[in-house]
Amino acid sequence: MAQVKPMRADARRNYERLLTEAAVAFAEHGEGASLDDIAKRAGVGSGTLYRHFPTRQALLEAVYVDTVEAIAVRADEIAAELPPGEALVEWLNELSLGMIQVRGLKALLGSAVTDGSSELLDRCGAFVKGAAARLVEAAQREGTLRTDVEPIDVLRLAHGVATASELGSGDGAYIRRYLLLLTEGLRA
């Protein structure tokens, strides 16, 4: 296995500034934020940005990996507080709302639950897929969720709920309504 060289101090500072400015830009403009503007805001050239993050997807992944991990951790916290069927619905609500509130996250999670094309994206997908699997399996054991429902099904449906809610109000006001309509069809 090849050994990874640690970053020089200036390269590490550039990397951190790029992540900070990218998070701000994605929050303001969504995943389509200008990469050149991000580089300028970070005080570096475009070449420096592309050396650290060869693609827009790589930058999105780096900016949101901690957010995705926190979403997965939140699933376990909710599961400790609520019965399994309720915990699944509550987590799907928070996941869908997060996809609306954190601009760029929906695009990243959409990629993460389809096909991993990078180590970081695979990691993001593993966090969310693992959380969904734990909640789905618990709800199925409880008897409140159909046994033919797969964790990937609920993740893709949550993505759809977030999209539908954006169309309805843009702020997530319809998420609970759409989840209720959806989960009635998923019940055992």
N, C-alpha and C. Protein backbone atom coordinates (compact mmCIF):
# COMPACT_ATOMS: atom_id res chain seq x y z
N MET A 1 0.85 -1.18 0.00
CA MET A 1 0.00 0.00 0.00
C MET A 1 0.89 1.24 0.00
N ALA A 2 0.57 2.18 -0.86
CA ALA A 2 1.37 3.40 -0.96
C ALA A 2 1.13 4.28 0.27
N GLN A 3 2.20 4.88 0.72
CA GLN A 3 2.10 5.76 1.86
C GLN A 3 1.71 7.16 1.40
N VAL A 4 0.77 7.77 2.09
CA VAL A 4 0.31 9.11 1.74
C VAL A 4 1.21 10.13 2.43
N LYS A 5 1.75 11.06 1.61
CA LYS A 5 2.59 12.11 2.17
C LYS A 5 1.72 13.15 2.86
N PRO A 6 2.11 13.58 4.06
CA PRO A 6 1.34 14.63 4.70
C PRO A 6 1.45 15.94 3.91
N MET A 7 0.40 16.76 3.99
CA MET A 7 0.40 18.04 3.28
C MET A 7 1.34 19.02 3.96
N ARG A 8 1.97 19.84 3.13
CA ARG A 8 2.74 20.96 3.67
C ARG A 8 1.77 21.88 4.39
N ALA A 9 2.29 22.71 5.28
CA ALA A 9 1.43 23.61 6.06
C ALA A 9 0.64 24.56 5.16
N ASP A 10 1.28 25.11 4.12
CA ASP A 10 0.56 26.03 3.24
C ASP A 10 -0.51 25.30 2.42
N ALA A 11 -0.21 24.08 2.02
CA ALA A 11 -1.20 23.30 1.27
C ALA A 11 -2.39 22.96 2.16
N ARG A 12 -2.12 22.63 3.42
CA ARG A 12 -3.19 22.32 4.37
C ARG A 12 -4.07 23.57 4.59
N ARG A 13 -3.43 24.74 4.73
CA ARG A 13 -4.21 25.99 4.90
C ARG A 13 -5.08 26.25 3.67
N ASN A 14 -4.52 26.06 2.48
CA ASN A 14 -5.29 26.25 1.25
C ASN A 14 -6.48 25.30 1.20
N TYR A 15 -6.23 24.05 1.54
CA TYR A 15 -7.26 23.02 1.55
C TYR A 15 -8.39 23.43 2.49
N GLU A 16 -8.05 23.84 3.70
CA GLU A 16 -9.05 24.24 4.70
C GLU A 16 -9.82 25.48 4.25
N ARG A 17 -9.12 26.46 3.67
CA ARG A 17 -9.80 27.66 3.18
C ARG A 17 -10.77 27.31 2.04
N LEU A 18 -10.33 26.42 1.17
CA LEU A 18 -11.20 25.99 0.07
C LEU A 18 -12.46 25.31 0.61
N LEU A 19 -12.31 24.45 1.61
CA LEU A 19 -13.49 23.79 2.19
C LEU A 19 -14.42 24.80 2.83
N THR A 20 -13.87 25.74 3.56
CA THR A 20 -14.68 26.77 4.22
C THR A 20 -15.45 27.59 3.21
N GLU A 21 -14.74 28.07 2.19
CA GLU A 21 -15.40 28.91 1.18
C GLU A 21 -16.38 28.12 0.32
N ALA A 22 -16.07 26.86 0.07
CA ALA A 22 -16.99 26.01 -0.70
C ALA A 22 -18.29 25.80 0.08
N ALA A 23 -18.18 25.58 1.39
CA ALA A 23 -19.38 25.39 2.21
C ALA A 23 -20.27 26.64 2.15
N VAL A 24 -19.66 27.81 2.21
CA VAL A 24 -20.42 29.06 2.13
C VAL A 24 -21.05 29.19 0.74
N ALA A 25 -20.27 28.94 -0.30
CA ALA A 25 -20.77 29.07 -1.67
C ALA A 25 -21.90 28.08 -1.96
N PHE A 26 -21.74 26.83 -1.51
CA PHE A 26 -22.80 25.84 -1.74
C PHE A 26 -24.06 26.23 -0.97
N ALA A 27 -23.90 26.78 0.23
CA ALA A 27 -25.06 27.22 1.01
C ALA A 27 -25.79 28.36 0.30
N GLU A 28 -25.03 29.24 -0.32
CA GLU A 28 -25.63 30.39 -1.01
C GLU A 28 -26.21 30.04 -2.37
N HIS A 29 -25.50 29.20 -3.13
CA HIS A 29 -25.85 28.97 -4.53
C HIS A 29 -26.17 27.52 -4.89
N GLY A 30 -26.10 26.61 -3.93
CA GLY A 30 -26.34 25.20 -4.23
C GLY A 30 -25.12 24.56 -4.86
N GLU A 31 -25.30 23.31 -5.30
CA GLU A 31 -24.16 22.56 -5.82
C GLU A 31 -23.59 23.12 -7.11
N GLY A 32 -24.30 24.04 -7.75
CA GLY A 32 -23.83 24.64 -8.99
C GLY A 32 -22.96 25.87 -8.78
N ALA A 33 -22.58 26.16 -7.53
CA ALA A 33 -21.76 27.35 -7.25
C ALA A 33 -20.50 27.33 -8.11
N SER A 34 -20.06 28.51 -8.51
CA SER A 34 -18.89 28.64 -9.37
C SER A 34 -17.62 28.21 -8.64
N LEU A 35 -16.91 27.26 -9.22
CA LEU A 35 -15.66 26.80 -8.62
C LEU A 35 -14.59 27.88 -8.69
N ASP A 36 -14.59 28.66 -9.77
CA ASP A 36 -13.63 29.77 -9.87
C ASP A 36 -13.87 30.79 -8.77
N ASP A 37 -15.14 31.07 -8.47
CA ASP A 37 -15.45 32.01 -7.39
C ASP A 37 -15.00 31.45 -6.04
N ILE A 38 -15.18 30.16 -5.85
CA ILE A 38 -14.74 29.53 -4.60
C ILE A 38 -13.23 29.69 -4.44
N ALA A 39 -12.50 29.44 -5.50
CA ALA A 39 -11.04 29.60 -5.45
C ALA A 39 -10.66 31.04 -5.12
N LYS A 40 -11.31 31.99 -5.77
CA LYS A 40 -11.02 33.41 -5.51
C LYS A 40 -11.31 33.77 -4.06
N ARG A 41 -12.46 33.33 -3.56
CA ARG A 41 -12.84 33.63 -2.18
C ARG A 41 -11.84 33.04 -1.20
N ALA A 42 -11.25 31.91 -1.57
CA ALA A 42 -10.27 31.25 -0.69
C ALA A 42 -8.88 31.87 -0.84
N GLY A 43 -8.72 32.76 -1.83
CA GLY A 43 -7.43 33.41 -2.04
C GLY A 43 -6.41 32.53 -2.74
N VAL A 44 -6.90 31.60 -3.56
CA VAL A 44 -6.01 30.71 -4.30
C VAL A 44 -6.43 30.71 -5.77
N GLY A 45 -5.59 30.17 -6.61
CA GLY A 45 -5.91 30.04 -8.02
C GLY A 45 -6.75 28.80 -8.27
N SER A 46 -7.37 28.77 -9.44
CA SER A 46 -8.19 27.61 -9.82
C SER A 46 -7.37 26.32 -9.84
N GLY A 47 -6.10 26.43 -10.26
CA GLY A 47 -5.24 25.25 -10.30
C GLY A 47 -5.10 24.61 -8.92
N THR A 48 -4.99 25.44 -7.89
CA THR A 48 -4.88 24.92 -6.52
C THR A 48 -6.16 24.20 -6.14
N LEU A 49 -7.31 24.78 -6.48
CA LEU A 49 -8.58 24.12 -6.19
C LEU A 49 -8.62 22.75 -6.86
N TYR A 50 -8.27 22.70 -8.15
CA TYR A 50 -8.36 21.43 -8.88
C TYR A 50 -7.30 20.42 -8.45
N ARG A 51 -6.19 20.88 -7.91
CA ARG A 51 -5.20 19.94 -7.37
C ARG A 51 -5.77 19.21 -6.16
N HIS A 52 -6.48 19.95 -5.32
CA HIS A 52 -7.08 19.34 -4.13
C HIS A 52 -8.37 18.58 -4.44
N PHE A 53 -9.17 19.15 -5.35
CA PHE A 53 -10.49 18.61 -5.66
C PHE A 53 -10.65 18.57 -7.18
N PRO A 54 -10.30 17.45 -7.80
CA PRO A 54 -10.29 17.39 -9.26
C PRO A 54 -11.66 17.56 -9.91
N THR A 55 -12.74 17.35 -9.14
CA THR A 55 -14.08 17.49 -9.69
C THR A 55 -14.98 18.22 -8.69
N ARG A 56 -16.07 18.74 -9.18
CA ARG A 56 -17.08 19.37 -8.33
C ARG A 56 -17.59 18.36 -7.30
N GLN A 57 -17.79 17.13 -7.76
CA GLN A 57 -18.28 16.07 -6.87
C GLN A 57 -17.31 15.84 -5.72
N ALA A 58 -16.01 15.85 -6.00
CA ALA A 58 -15.01 15.64 -4.95
C ALA A 58 -15.07 16.76 -3.91
N LEU A 59 -15.31 17.98 -4.36
CA LEU A 59 -15.43 19.11 -3.44
C LEU A 59 -16.71 18.98 -2.61
N LEU A 60 -17.82 18.65 -3.23
CA LEU A 60 -19.06 18.43 -2.49
C LEU A 60 -18.89 17.37 -1.42
N GLU A 61 -18.25 16.28 -1.79
CA GLU A 61 -18.03 15.18 -0.85
C GLU A 61 -17.22 15.65 0.35
N ALA A 62 -16.14 16.36 0.08
CA ALA A 62 -15.27 16.82 1.16
C ALA A 62 -15.99 17.80 2.08
N VAL A 63 -16.82 18.67 1.51
CA VAL A 63 -17.53 19.66 2.31
C VAL A 63 -18.58 18.99 3.20
N TYR A 64 -19.26 17.97 2.70
CA TYR A 64 -20.41 17.43 3.40
C TYR A 64 -20.20 16.09 4.09
N VAL A 65 -19.01 15.52 4.07
CA VAL A 65 -18.81 14.21 4.68
C VAL A 65 -19.17 14.23 6.17
N ASP A 66 -18.81 15.27 6.89
CA ASP A 66 -19.15 15.35 8.31
C ASP A 66 -20.65 15.48 8.52
N THR A 67 -21.32 16.22 7.65
CA THR A 67 -22.77 16.38 7.74
C THR A 67 -23.46 15.04 7.52
N VAL A 68 -23.00 14.29 6.54
CA VAL A 68 -23.60 12.98 6.25
C VAL A 68 -23.37 12.03 7.42
N GLU A 69 -22.20 12.06 8.00
CA GLU A 69 -21.92 11.21 9.16
C GLU A 69 -22.84 11.59 10.33
N ALA A 70 -23.05 12.88 10.53
CA ALA A 70 -23.94 13.34 11.61
C ALA A 70 -25.38 12.88 11.38
N ILE A 71 -25.81 12.86 10.13
CA ILE A 71 -27.15 12.38 9.80
C ILE A 71 -27.28 10.91 10.18
N ALA A 72 -26.25 10.14 9.92
CA ALA A 72 -26.27 8.71 10.27
C ALA A 72 -26.29 8.52 11.79
N VAL A 73 -25.50 9.29 12.50
CA VAL A 73 -25.47 9.22 13.96
C VAL A 73 -26.85 9.58 14.53
N ARG A 74 -27.47 10.57 13.91
CA ARG A 74 -28.79 11.01 14.37
C ARG A 74 -29.81 9.87 14.28
N ALA A 75 -29.68 8.99 13.30
CA ALA A 75 -30.58 7.85 13.18
C ALA A 75 -30.54 6.99 14.44
N ASP A 76 -29.34 6.76 14.96
CA ASP A 76 -29.20 5.93 16.16
C ASP A 76 -29.76 6.65 17.40
N GLU A 77 -29.58 7.97 17.44
CA GLU A 77 -30.14 8.74 18.56
C GLU A 77 -31.66 8.67 18.56
N ILE A 78 -32.25 8.83 17.40
CA ILE A 78 -33.71 8.77 17.29
C ILE A 78 -34.21 7.37 17.63
N ALA A 79 -33.48 6.35 17.17
CA ALA A 79 -33.87 4.96 17.44
C ALA A 79 -33.86 4.66 18.93
N ALA A 80 -33.01 5.33 19.67
CA ALA A 80 -32.95 5.12 21.12
C ALA A 80 -34.12 5.80 21.84
N GLU A 81 -34.76 6.76 21.17
CA GLU A 81 -35.83 7.55 21.80
C GLU A 81 -37.24 7.09 21.43
N LEU A 82 -37.40 6.52 20.24
CA LEU A 82 -38.73 6.22 19.72
C LEU A 82 -38.87 4.75 19.33
N PRO A 83 -40.09 4.24 19.26
CA PRO A 83 -40.30 2.89 18.73
C PRO A 83 -39.81 2.83 17.28
N PRO A 84 -39.41 1.65 16.81
CA PRO A 84 -38.78 1.54 15.49
C PRO A 84 -39.53 2.17 14.32
N GLY A 85 -40.81 1.94 14.18
CA GLY A 85 -41.55 2.53 13.06
C GLY A 85 -41.57 4.04 13.11
N GLU A 86 -41.77 4.59 14.30
CA GLU A 86 -41.76 6.04 14.47
C GLU A 86 -40.36 6.61 14.24
N ALA A 87 -39.36 5.87 14.70
CA ALA A 87 -37.97 6.33 14.54
C ALA A 87 -37.62 6.44 13.06
N LEU A 88 -38.03 5.47 12.27
CA LEU A 88 -37.75 5.51 10.84
C LEU A 88 -38.38 6.74 10.20
N VAL A 89 -39.64 7.00 10.50
CA VAL A 89 -40.33 8.15 9.91
C VAL A 89 -39.68 9.46 10.37
N GLU A 90 -39.34 9.56 11.65
CA GLU A 90 -38.73 10.78 12.16
C GLU A 90 -37.37 11.02 11.50
N TRP A 91 -36.58 9.95 11.34
CA TRP A 91 -35.27 10.11 10.69
C TRP A 91 -35.43 10.50 9.23
N LEU A 92 -36.38 9.89 8.55
CA LEU A 92 -36.63 10.27 7.15
C LEU A 92 -37.06 11.72 7.05
N ASN A 93 -37.82 12.20 8.03
CA ASN A 93 -38.20 13.60 8.06
C ASN A 93 -36.96 14.49 8.19
N GLU A 94 -36.09 14.16 9.14
CA GLU A 94 -34.88 14.96 9.34
C GLU A 94 -33.95 14.88 8.14
N LEU A 95 -33.83 13.69 7.55
CA LEU A 95 -32.99 13.51 6.37
C LEU A 95 -33.52 14.36 5.21
N SER A 96 -34.82 14.29 4.96
CA SER A 96 -35.42 15.05 3.86
C SER A 96 -35.29 16.55 4.10
N LEU A 97 -35.52 16.98 5.32
CA LEU A 97 -35.39 18.40 5.64
C LEU A 97 -33.94 18.85 5.46
N GLY A 98 -32.99 18.02 5.88
CA GLY A 98 -31.58 18.34 5.70
C GLY A 98 -31.21 18.49 4.23
N MET A 99 -31.82 17.66 3.39
CA MET A 99 -31.53 17.74 1.96
C MET A 99 -32.01 19.06 1.36
N ILE A 100 -33.02 19.66 1.97
CA ILE A 100 -33.52 20.94 1.49
C ILE A 100 -32.72 22.09 2.11
N GLN A 101 -32.46 22.01 3.40
CA GLN A 101 -31.81 23.11 4.11
C GLN A 101 -30.34 23.24 3.79
N VAL A 102 -29.66 22.13 3.56
CA VAL A 102 -28.23 22.17 3.26
C VAL A 102 -28.08 22.03 1.75
N ARG A 103 -27.99 23.17 1.09
CA ARG A 103 -27.96 23.16 -0.37
C ARG A 103 -26.75 22.37 -0.86
N GLY A 104 -26.98 21.51 -1.81
CA GLY A 104 -25.93 20.67 -2.35
C GLY A 104 -25.94 19.28 -1.74
N LEU A 105 -26.56 19.13 -0.58
CA LEU A 105 -26.58 17.83 0.09
C LEU A 105 -27.45 16.83 -0.66
N LYS A 106 -28.56 17.29 -1.22
CA LYS A 106 -29.45 16.38 -1.95
C LYS A 106 -28.73 15.77 -3.15
N ALA A 107 -27.96 16.58 -3.86
CA ALA A 107 -27.21 16.06 -5.01
C ALA A 107 -26.18 15.04 -4.56
N LEU A 108 -25.50 15.34 -3.46
CA LEU A 108 -24.48 14.42 -2.96
C LEU A 108 -25.12 13.11 -2.50
N LEU A 109 -26.20 13.19 -1.73
CA LEU A 109 -26.84 11.98 -1.24
C LEU A 109 -27.47 11.19 -2.37
N GLY A 110 -27.96 11.88 -3.39
CA GLY A 110 -28.49 11.18 -4.56
C GLY A 110 -27.41 10.32 -5.20
N SER A 111 -26.21 10.86 -5.30
CA SER A 111 -25.08 10.10 -5.85
C SER A 111 -24.65 9.00 -4.89
N ALA A 112 -24.65 9.31 -3.61
CA ALA A 112 -24.16 8.35 -2.60
C ALA A 112 -25.03 7.10 -2.53
N VAL A 113 -26.32 7.22 -2.82
CA VAL A 113 -27.19 6.06 -2.73
C VAL A 113 -27.42 5.40 -4.07
N THR A 114 -26.69 5.83 -5.08
CA THR A 114 -26.78 5.14 -6.37
C THR A 114 -25.52 4.34 -6.61
N ASP A 115 -24.45 5.03 -6.94
CA ASP A 115 -23.21 4.31 -7.21
C ASP A 115 -22.03 5.11 -6.68
N GLY A 116 -21.18 4.44 -5.97
CA GLY A 116 -19.99 5.10 -5.45
C GLY A 116 -18.93 5.19 -6.52
N SER A 117 -18.40 6.38 -6.70
CA SER A 117 -17.35 6.54 -7.70
C SER A 117 -16.06 7.01 -7.06
N SER A 118 -16.09 7.16 -5.75
CA SER A 118 -14.87 7.56 -5.06
C SER A 118 -14.91 6.98 -3.66
N GLU A 119 -13.77 6.96 -3.03
CA GLU A 119 -13.68 6.44 -1.67
C GLU A 119 -14.54 7.26 -0.72
N LEU A 120 -14.50 8.59 -0.85
CA LEU A 120 -15.26 9.45 0.04
C LEU A 120 -16.76 9.30 -0.21
N LEU A 121 -17.15 9.22 -1.47
CA LEU A 121 -18.57 9.03 -1.78
C LEU A 121 -19.04 7.68 -1.27
N ASP A 122 -18.22 6.66 -1.40
CA ASP A 122 -18.57 5.35 -0.85
C ASP A 122 -18.75 5.44 0.66
N ARG A 123 -17.90 6.24 1.32
CA ARG A 123 -17.99 6.43 2.76
C ARG A 123 -19.29 7.15 3.12
N CYS A 124 -19.63 8.21 2.39
CA CYS A 124 -20.89 8.92 2.63
C CYS A 124 -22.07 7.97 2.45
N GLY A 125 -22.04 7.21 1.36
CA GLY A 125 -23.12 6.26 1.10
C GLY A 125 -23.22 5.20 2.18
N ALA A 126 -22.08 4.73 2.67
CA ALA A 126 -22.07 3.71 3.72
C ALA A 126 -22.70 4.24 5.01
N PHE A 127 -22.41 5.49 5.36
CA PHE A 127 -23.00 6.08 6.57
C PHE A 127 -24.52 6.05 6.48
N VAL A 128 -25.04 6.60 5.39
CA VAL A 128 -26.48 6.76 5.24
C VAL A 128 -27.16 5.40 5.02
N LYS A 129 -26.56 4.56 4.19
CA LYS A 129 -27.15 3.24 3.94
C LYS A 129 -27.17 2.40 5.22
N GLY A 130 -26.11 2.49 6.01
CA GLY A 130 -26.06 1.74 7.27
C GLY A 130 -27.12 2.21 8.23
N ALA A 131 -27.30 3.51 8.35
CA ALA A 131 -28.33 4.06 9.24
C ALA A 131 -29.71 3.61 8.77
N ALA A 132 -29.97 3.72 7.47
CA ALA A 132 -31.27 3.30 6.94
C ALA A 132 -31.50 1.82 7.18
N ALA A 133 -30.47 1.00 6.99
CA ALA A 133 -30.61 -0.44 7.20
C ALA A 133 -30.99 -0.76 8.64
N ARG A 134 -30.33 -0.10 9.59
CA ARG A 134 -30.63 -0.36 11.00
C ARG A 134 -32.09 0.00 11.32
N LEU A 135 -32.54 1.14 10.82
CA LEU A 135 -33.91 1.58 11.10
C LEU A 135 -34.95 0.71 10.40
N VAL A 136 -34.68 0.38 9.14
CA VAL A 136 -35.62 -0.46 8.38
C VAL A 136 -35.73 -1.83 9.03
N GLU A 137 -34.61 -2.44 9.35
CA GLU A 137 -34.64 -3.78 9.96
C GLU A 137 -35.37 -3.77 11.30
N ALA A 138 -35.17 -2.74 12.10
CA ALA A 138 -35.86 -2.64 13.39
C ALA A 138 -37.37 -2.51 13.19
N ALA A 139 -37.78 -1.67 12.24
CA ALA A 139 -39.21 -1.49 11.98
C ALA A 139 -39.82 -2.78 11.42
N GLN A 140 -39.07 -3.52 10.62
CA GLN A 140 -39.57 -4.79 10.11
C GLN A 140 -39.70 -5.81 11.23
N ARG A 141 -38.72 -5.86 12.14
CA ARG A 141 -38.80 -6.77 13.29
C ARG A 141 -40.01 -6.41 14.17
N GLU A 142 -40.27 -5.12 14.30
CA GLU A 142 -41.41 -4.64 15.09
C GLU A 142 -42.73 -4.99 14.43
N GLY A 143 -42.70 -5.20 13.11
CA GLY A 143 -43.92 -5.52 12.37
C GLY A 143 -44.65 -4.32 11.82
N THR A 144 -44.01 -3.15 11.86
CA THR A 144 -44.67 -1.94 11.35
C THR A 144 -44.25 -1.58 9.93
N LEU A 145 -43.30 -2.30 9.38
CA LEU A 145 -42.83 -2.03 8.02
C LEU A 145 -42.87 -3.32 7.21
N ARG A 146 -43.34 -3.22 6.00
CA ARG A 146 -43.40 -4.38 5.11
C ARG A 146 -42.02 -5.04 5.02
N THR A 147 -42.01 -6.34 4.91
CA THR A 147 -40.75 -7.07 4.86
C THR A 147 -40.06 -6.98 3.51
N ASP A 148 -40.78 -6.56 2.48
CA ASP A 148 -40.15 -6.45 1.15
C ASP A 148 -39.52 -5.09 0.90
N VAL A 149 -39.55 -4.19 1.89
CA VAL A 149 -38.96 -2.86 1.75
C VAL A 149 -37.46 -2.96 2.03
N GLU A 150 -36.68 -2.42 1.13
CA GLU A 150 -35.22 -2.40 1.27
C GLU A 150 -34.78 -1.03 1.77
N PRO A 151 -33.67 -0.97 2.51
CA PRO A 151 -33.15 0.33 2.97
C PRO A 151 -32.94 1.32 1.82
N ILE A 152 -32.45 0.85 0.69
CA ILE A 152 -32.21 1.75 -0.45
C ILE A 152 -33.52 2.33 -0.96
N ASP A 153 -34.63 1.56 -0.83
CA ASP A 153 -35.94 2.06 -1.23
C ASP A 153 -36.30 3.30 -0.43
N VAL A 154 -36.13 3.24 0.89
CA VAL A 154 -36.55 4.38 1.72
C VAL A 154 -35.63 5.58 1.49
N LEU A 155 -34.36 5.33 1.20
CA LEU A 155 -33.46 6.45 0.91
C LEU A 155 -33.84 7.15 -0.39
N ARG A 156 -34.12 6.37 -1.39
CA ARG A 156 -34.52 6.97 -2.67
C ARG A 156 -35.87 7.68 -2.54
N LEU A 157 -36.77 7.10 -1.76
CA LEU A 157 -38.06 7.75 -1.55
C LEU A 157 -37.90 9.04 -0.75
N ALA A 158 -37.00 9.06 0.23
CA ALA A 158 -36.74 10.29 0.99
C ALA A 158 -36.21 11.38 0.06
N HIS A 159 -35.37 11.00 -0.88
CA HIS A 159 -34.85 11.94 -1.87
C HIS A 159 -36.02 12.52 -2.67
N GLY A 160 -36.94 11.66 -3.04
CA GLY A 160 -38.13 12.10 -3.78
C GLY A 160 -39.03 13.00 -2.94
N VAL A 161 -39.18 12.68 -1.66
CA VAL A 161 -39.99 13.50 -0.76
C VAL A 161 -39.37 14.89 -0.64
N ALA A 162 -38.06 14.96 -0.50
CA ALA A 162 -37.38 16.26 -0.41
C ALA A 162 -37.63 17.07 -1.69
N THR A 163 -37.52 16.41 -2.82
CA THR A 163 -37.75 17.10 -4.10
C THR A 163 -39.20 17.57 -4.20
N ALA A 164 -40.14 16.71 -3.84
CA ALA A 164 -41.56 17.08 -3.91
C ALA A 164 -41.87 18.24 -2.96
N SER A 165 -41.27 18.22 -1.79
CA SER A 165 -41.51 19.29 -0.83
C SER A 165 -40.93 20.62 -1.32
N GLU A 166 -39.77 20.55 -1.97
CA GLU A 166 -39.20 21.77 -2.55
C GLU A 166 -40.15 22.36 -3.59
N LEU A 167 -40.77 21.49 -4.38
CA LEU A 167 -41.72 21.96 -5.39
C LEU A 167 -42.95 22.57 -4.74
N GLY A 168 -43.34 22.02 -3.59
CA GLY A 168 -44.54 22.50 -2.89
C GLY A 168 -44.35 23.83 -2.20
N SER A 169 -43.21 23.99 -1.53
CA SER A 169 -43.04 25.22 -0.76
C SER A 169 -41.61 25.74 -0.74
N GLY A 170 -40.67 24.88 -1.04
CA GLY A 170 -39.27 25.29 -1.04
C GLY A 170 -38.62 25.24 0.32
N ASP A 171 -39.41 25.12 1.40
CA ASP A 171 -38.83 25.17 2.73
C ASP A 171 -39.02 23.90 3.54
N GLY A 172 -39.58 22.89 2.96
CA GLY A 172 -39.76 21.62 3.68
C GLY A 172 -41.08 21.53 4.43
N ALA A 173 -41.98 22.48 4.23
CA ALA A 173 -43.24 22.49 4.97
C ALA A 173 -44.10 21.25 4.70
N TYR A 174 -43.94 20.64 3.54
CA TYR A 174 -44.78 19.50 3.18
C TYR A 174 -44.14 18.14 3.47
N ILE A 175 -42.94 18.14 4.01
CA ILE A 175 -42.24 16.86 4.20
C ILE A 175 -43.04 15.90 5.05
N ARG A 176 -43.50 16.33 6.20
CA ARG A 176 -44.26 15.41 7.08
C ARG A 176 -45.51 14.88 6.38
N ARG A 177 -46.20 15.73 5.65
CA ARG A 177 -47.40 15.28 4.93
C ARG A 177 -47.03 14.22 3.89
N TYR A 178 -46.00 14.49 3.12
CA TYR A 178 -45.61 13.54 2.08
C TYR A 178 -45.07 12.24 2.68
N LEU A 179 -44.36 12.34 3.79
CA LEU A 179 -43.87 11.13 4.45
C LEU A 179 -45.02 10.29 4.98
N LEU A 180 -46.03 10.94 5.52
CA LEU A 180 -47.21 10.22 6.01
C LEU A 180 -47.89 9.48 4.86
N LEU A 181 -48.08 10.18 3.74
CA LEU A 181 -48.69 9.53 2.58
C LEU A 181 -47.83 8.36 2.10
N LEU A 182 -46.54 8.55 2.10
CA LEU A 182 -45.62 7.51 1.65
C LEU A 182 -45.58 6.32 2.62
N THR A 183 -45.43 6.61 3.90
CA THR A 183 -45.24 5.51 4.86
C THR A 183 -46.50 4.67 5.05
N GLU A 184 -47.66 5.25 4.78
CA GLU A 184 -48.87 4.44 4.85
C GLU A 184 -48.78 3.27 3.87
N GLY A 185 -48.18 3.51 2.71
CA GLY A 185 -48.02 2.44 1.72
C GLY A 185 -46.92 1.45 2.06
N LEU A 186 -46.02 1.84 2.95
CA LEU A 186 -44.92 0.96 3.34
C LEU A 186 -45.25 0.10 4.56
N ARG A 187 -46.34 0.42 5.23
CA ARG A 187 -46.68 -0.30 6.46
C ARG A 187 -47.01 -1.76 6.17
N ALA A 188 -46.72 -2.59 7.16
CA ALA A 188 -47.02 -4.02 7.05
C ALA A 188 -48.51 -4.23 7.10
